[in-house]
Amino acid sequence: MTSYRILTLNIHKGFSISNRKFTLEKIRESLRESQANVVFLQEVVGENTRHEKRITDWPEINQMEYLADSVWDHFAYGKNAIYQHGHHGNAILSEKPFIDWRNINISCLSFSRRGILHGKNSDKINLLCVHLGLFERERKLQIQRLIDYVKNNIPPSEPLILAGDFNDWRHRSHKLLVETLGLKESYLESQGVLPKTYPAFFPALAMDRIYSRGFEVVQSQMLEGGNWRRMSDHSGLLAELTLK
């Protein structure tokens, strides 16, 4: 039986809430302690020349490689938001190698760049990392593009894990994903409710999710104590899945 330990976290570009502290080292330590096989990350900085000059402990390598270090040998990065001094996007860290990966642009607004990072690992598991927009109309278009992409590119027989920051506090995207793609949200399956992960210091909104197809959910939990509530503006989410 193939088991997966999945973690998703919006790292807020490596800063605590309100950008008060640079927390990338604490994020790396906490990701390691989670013992996750696959890590889905959002708002990962690929380059920022302003922060490089201003922050003394800014890493010499990009944030994805810094977080992966020697724990996750394989990783993929999807550049979404590009600006004069750098760029950021989604990333997937994996213990198992990717046999293919791509980044799909689902942006609807010129000032809000979004994407789907899709990787397939050596177990032929489809891994999709997303960060949807802040506006309801924007999300509606993005979720439809996500659904169309999955239907057109991933056969129903292939296992799939979809995780990230859905910004879906009204649960409308959730209903569409369940009804059209047959996905199960891990925390809902395990605990009976969608996980409230934002803001990290007092989680009130269900923003982050781990969906799957072709898996059984063993357990799921929010990572909200200790360092987790001080590292980012989002709480982390962890799920244990077994392949059917």
Protein backbone atom coordinates (compact mmCIF):
# COMPACT_ATOMS: atom_id res chain seq x y z
CA MET A 1 0.00 0.00 0.00
CA THR A 2 1.39 3.38 -1.02
CA SER A 3 1.05 6.07 1.67
CA TYR A 4 1.51 9.81 1.29
CA ARG A 5 1.96 12.46 3.94
CA ILE A 6 0.88 15.75 2.34
CA LEU A 7 1.43 19.29 3.64
CA THR A 8 0.22 22.57 2.19
CA LEU A 9 1.19 26.07 3.35
CA ASN A 10 1.04 29.60 1.99
CA ILE A 11 4.44 30.82 3.22
CA HIS A 12 3.63 34.54 2.69
CA LYS A 13 6.99 35.02 0.91
CA GLY A 14 8.80 33.93 4.10
CA PHE A 15 7.34 36.59 6.39
CA SER A 16 5.09 36.52 9.45
CA ILE A 17 1.73 38.26 9.42
CA SER A 18 1.95 41.99 8.63
CA ASN A 19 5.51 41.28 7.37
CA ARG A 20 6.91 41.87 10.86
CA LYS A 21 9.57 39.14 10.84
CA PHE A 22 11.46 37.16 8.22
CA THR A 23 10.61 33.57 9.17
CA LEU A 24 12.01 31.40 6.36
CA GLU A 25 14.38 29.47 8.64
CA LYS A 26 11.52 28.62 11.03
CA ILE A 27 9.43 27.53 8.06
CA ARG A 28 12.21 25.20 6.91
CA GLU A 29 12.57 23.67 10.39
CA SER A 30 8.83 23.13 10.73
CA LEU A 31 8.47 21.59 7.27
CA ARG A 32 11.22 19.12 8.14
CA GLU A 33 9.57 18.21 11.45
CA SER A 34 6.31 17.44 9.64
CA GLN A 35 7.94 14.45 7.86
CA ALA A 36 5.80 15.16 4.79
CA ASN A 37 6.51 13.23 1.58
CA VAL A 38 5.14 16.01 -0.61
CA VAL A 39 4.89 19.71 0.27
CA PHE A 40 2.67 22.17 -1.63
CA LEU A 41 3.74 25.79 -1.15
CA GLN A 42 2.26 29.10 -2.28
CA GLU A 43 3.79 32.61 -2.42
CA VAL A 44 7.31 31.22 -2.80
CA VAL A 45 9.86 33.83 -3.87
CA GLY A 46 12.05 32.87 -6.80
CA GLU A 47 13.91 36.19 -6.78
CA ASN A 48 13.65 39.53 -4.99
CA THR A 49 16.58 41.90 -5.40
CA ARG A 50 15.15 44.39 -2.88
CA HIS A 51 14.96 41.81 -0.09
CA GLU A 52 18.41 40.50 -0.99
CA LYS A 53 19.88 43.92 -0.16
CA ARG A 54 17.69 44.71 2.86
CA ILE A 55 17.44 41.42 4.80
CA THR A 56 20.67 40.10 6.29
CA ASP A 57 19.67 36.42 6.44
CA TRP A 58 18.08 36.32 2.97
CA PRO A 59 19.26 33.01 1.41
CA GLU A 60 21.76 32.98 -1.47
CA ILE A 61 19.58 30.44 -3.31
CA ASN A 62 15.88 30.76 -4.13
CA GLN A 63 13.32 29.98 -1.43
CA MET A 64 12.21 26.69 -3.01
CA GLU A 65 15.71 25.21 -2.97
CA TYR A 66 16.39 26.63 0.49
CA LEU A 67 13.28 24.95 1.91
CA ALA A 68 13.87 21.68 0.07
CA ASP A 69 17.52 21.52 1.17
CA SER A 70 18.58 17.85 1.57
CA VAL A 71 15.12 16.57 2.65
CA TRP A 72 13.20 16.77 -0.63
CA ASP A 73 15.51 15.99 -3.52
CA HIS A 74 12.97 16.88 -6.19
CA PHE A 75 11.08 20.14 -6.64
CA ALA A 76 9.18 22.22 -9.17
CA TYR A 77 8.43 25.93 -9.28
CA GLY A 78 5.75 27.81 -11.20
CA LYS A 79 6.54 31.49 -11.72
CA ASN A 80 3.29 33.45 -11.56
CA ALA A 81 3.72 37.04 -10.34
CA ILE A 82 6.57 38.83 -12.13
CA TYR A 83 7.68 42.33 -11.13
CA GLN A 84 10.66 44.59 -11.74
CA HIS A 85 12.65 43.32 -8.76
CA GLY A 86 11.75 39.62 -8.93
CA HIS A 87 8.98 37.02 -9.03
CA HIS A 88 7.05 34.53 -6.88
CA GLY A 89 4.69 31.60 -7.40
CA ASN A 90 3.81 28.05 -6.36
CA ALA A 91 6.21 25.21 -5.57
CA ILE A 92 6.03 21.47 -4.93
CA LEU A 93 8.72 19.64 -2.93
CA SER A 94 8.80 15.86 -3.35
CA GLU A 95 10.75 12.88 -2.05
CA LYS A 96 10.08 11.07 -5.35
CA PRO A 97 11.22 12.37 -8.75
CA PHE A 98 8.96 14.12 -11.23
CA ILE A 99 8.53 12.47 -14.60
CA ASP A 100 6.86 15.64 -15.91
CA TRP A 101 5.75 19.05 -14.70
CA ARG A 102 4.29 22.25 -16.13
CA ASN A 103 2.86 25.60 -15.03
CA ILE A 104 -0.53 26.66 -16.43
CA ASN A 105 -1.52 30.31 -16.44
CA ILE A 106 -5.06 30.86 -15.11
CA SER A 107 -4.78 34.62 -14.56
CA CYS A 108 -7.92 36.67 -15.17
CA LEU A 109 -6.71 40.10 -14.05
CA SER A 110 -3.56 41.94 -15.12
CA PHE A 111 -2.68 42.81 -11.52
CA SER A 112 -3.34 39.32 -10.10
CA ARG A 113 -1.21 36.60 -11.70
CA ARG A 114 -2.21 33.03 -10.82
CA GLY A 115 -1.26 29.55 -12.00
CA ILE A 116 -1.67 25.80 -11.60
CA LEU A 117 1.59 23.94 -11.01
CA HIS A 118 1.06 20.36 -12.21
CA GLY A 119 3.64 17.66 -11.63
CA LYS A 120 3.48 13.89 -12.06
CA ASN A 121 5.82 11.82 -9.89
CA SER A 122 7.40 8.41 -10.43
CA ASP A 123 4.35 6.72 -8.83
CA LYS A 124 2.29 8.41 -11.56
CA ILE A 125 0.46 10.54 -8.99
CA ASN A 126 -0.76 13.87 -10.35
CA LEU A 127 0.17 16.70 -7.98
CA LEU A 128 -1.49 20.09 -8.51
CA CYS A 129 -0.62 23.19 -6.48
CA VAL A 130 -2.86 26.26 -6.75
CA HIS A 131 -3.35 29.73 -5.31
CA LEU A 132 -6.64 31.24 -6.46
CA GLY A 133 -7.55 34.93 -6.60
CA LEU A 134 -9.08 37.18 -3.96
CA PHE A 135 -12.21 38.20 -5.91
CA GLU A 136 -15.30 35.99 -6.30
CA ARG A 137 -15.66 36.55 -10.05
CA GLU A 138 -11.94 35.93 -10.55
CA ARG A 139 -12.08 32.65 -8.61
CA LYS A 140 -15.15 31.49 -10.50
CA LEU A 141 -13.29 31.78 -13.81
CA GLN A 142 -10.13 30.22 -12.37
CA ILE A 143 -11.92 27.25 -10.85
CA GLN A 144 -13.61 26.55 -14.18
CA ARG A 145 -10.23 26.65 -15.93
CA LEU A 146 -8.88 24.28 -13.30
CA ILE A 147 -11.80 21.88 -13.80
CA ASP A 148 -11.42 22.01 -17.61
CA TYR A 149 -7.68 21.41 -17.32
CA VAL A 150 -8.13 18.34 -15.11
CA LYS A 151 -10.87 16.90 -17.33
CA ASN A 152 -8.82 17.40 -20.50
CA ASN A 153 -5.39 16.33 -19.19
CA ILE A 154 -5.83 13.81 -16.34
CA PRO A 155 -7.77 10.59 -17.00
CA PRO A 156 -10.35 9.74 -14.29
CA SER A 157 -8.43 6.53 -13.54
CA GLU A 158 -5.25 8.41 -12.53
CA PRO A 159 -4.80 9.37 -8.84
CA LEU A 160 -4.71 13.07 -8.11
CA ILE A 161 -3.83 15.38 -5.22
CA LEU A 162 -4.87 19.03 -5.45
CA ALA A 163 -3.72 21.36 -2.67
CA GLY A 164 -3.14 25.02 -1.95
CA ASP A 165 -4.71 28.32 -1.00
CA PHE A 166 -8.17 28.52 -2.57
CA ASN A 167 -9.27 31.83 -0.96
CA ASP A 168 -12.69 30.14 -0.92
CA TRP A 169 -14.23 31.33 2.37
CA ARG A 170 -17.75 31.01 0.91
CA HIS A 171 -17.12 27.34 -0.10
CA ARG A 172 -18.40 27.86 -3.65
CA SER A 173 -15.26 26.52 -5.32
CA HIS A 174 -15.36 23.55 -2.96
CA LYS A 175 -18.81 22.50 -4.14
CA LEU A 176 -17.78 22.70 -7.80
CA LEU A 177 -14.63 20.61 -7.27
CA VAL A 178 -16.53 17.90 -5.43
CA GLU A 179 -19.44 17.78 -7.88
CA THR A 180 -17.53 18.00 -11.18
CA LEU A 181 -14.26 16.15 -10.43
CA GLY A 182 -15.30 13.75 -7.67
CA LEU A 183 -12.65 15.06 -5.27
CA LYS A 184 -12.61 14.58 -1.48
CA GLU A 185 -11.27 17.24 0.87
CA SER A 186 -9.06 15.54 3.44
CA TYR A 187 -9.90 17.55 6.57
CA LEU A 188 -13.61 17.40 5.81
CA GLU A 189 -13.39 13.60 5.43
CA SER A 190 -11.41 13.27 8.66
CA GLN A 191 -12.94 15.95 10.92
CA GLY A 192 -16.33 16.66 9.37
CA VAL A 193 -15.72 20.34 8.53
CA LEU A 194 -13.57 22.35 6.15
CA PRO A 195 -10.39 23.56 7.89
CA LYS A 196 -10.25 27.18 9.05
CA THR A 197 -6.67 28.23 8.34
CA TYR A 198 -6.71 32.04 8.07
CA PRO A 199 -5.53 34.19 9.76
CA ALA A 200 -2.96 32.01 11.50
CA PHE A 201 -3.15 33.77 14.88
CA PHE A 202 -6.96 33.25 15.05
CA PRO A 203 -8.13 30.97 12.22
CA ALA A 204 -11.63 31.97 11.15
CA LEU A 205 -11.81 31.35 7.38
CA ALA A 206 -11.52 28.07 5.47
CA MET A 207 -8.96 29.02 2.81
CA ASP A 208 -6.48 26.14 2.45
CA ARG A 209 -7.42 22.64 1.32
CA ILE A 210 -6.01 19.23 0.40
CA TYR A 211 -8.21 17.42 -2.13
CA SER A 212 -7.62 13.95 -3.53
CA ARG A 213 -9.01 11.35 -5.92
CA GLY A 214 -8.05 7.68 -5.86
CA PHE A 215 -6.95 7.82 -2.21
CA GLU A 216 -8.35 6.95 1.19
CA VAL A 217 -7.99 9.65 3.85
CA VAL A 218 -6.31 8.27 6.97
CA GLN A 219 -6.25 11.52 8.92
CA SER A 220 -5.88 15.27 8.53
CA GLN A 221 -4.94 18.07 10.88
CA MET A 222 -4.28 21.79 11.02
CA LEU A 223 -0.77 22.86 12.00
CA GLU A 224 -1.55 25.82 14.19
CA GLY A 225 0.42 25.59 17.44
CA GLY A 226 3.90 26.83 18.36
CA ASN A 227 5.88 28.20 15.43
CA TRP A 228 3.10 27.50 12.94
CA ARG A 229 0.96 30.41 14.09
CA ARG A 230 3.88 32.85 13.89
CA MET A 231 5.56 31.85 10.61
CA SER A 232 2.99 33.02 8.08
CA ASP A 233 -0.45 34.57 7.82
CA HIS A 234 -1.86 31.08 7.06
CA SER A 235 -1.90 27.91 9.15
CA GLY A 236 -0.45 24.77 7.61
CA LEU A 237 -2.55 21.74 6.74
CA LEU A 238 -1.39 18.11 6.87
CA ALA A 239 -3.05 14.94 5.56
CA GLU A 240 -2.16 11.26 5.47
CA LEU A 241 -3.47 9.47 2.37
CA THR A 242 -3.23 5.88 1.14
CA LEU A 243 -3.50 4.95 -2.51
CA LYS A 244 -6.50 2.75 -3.27
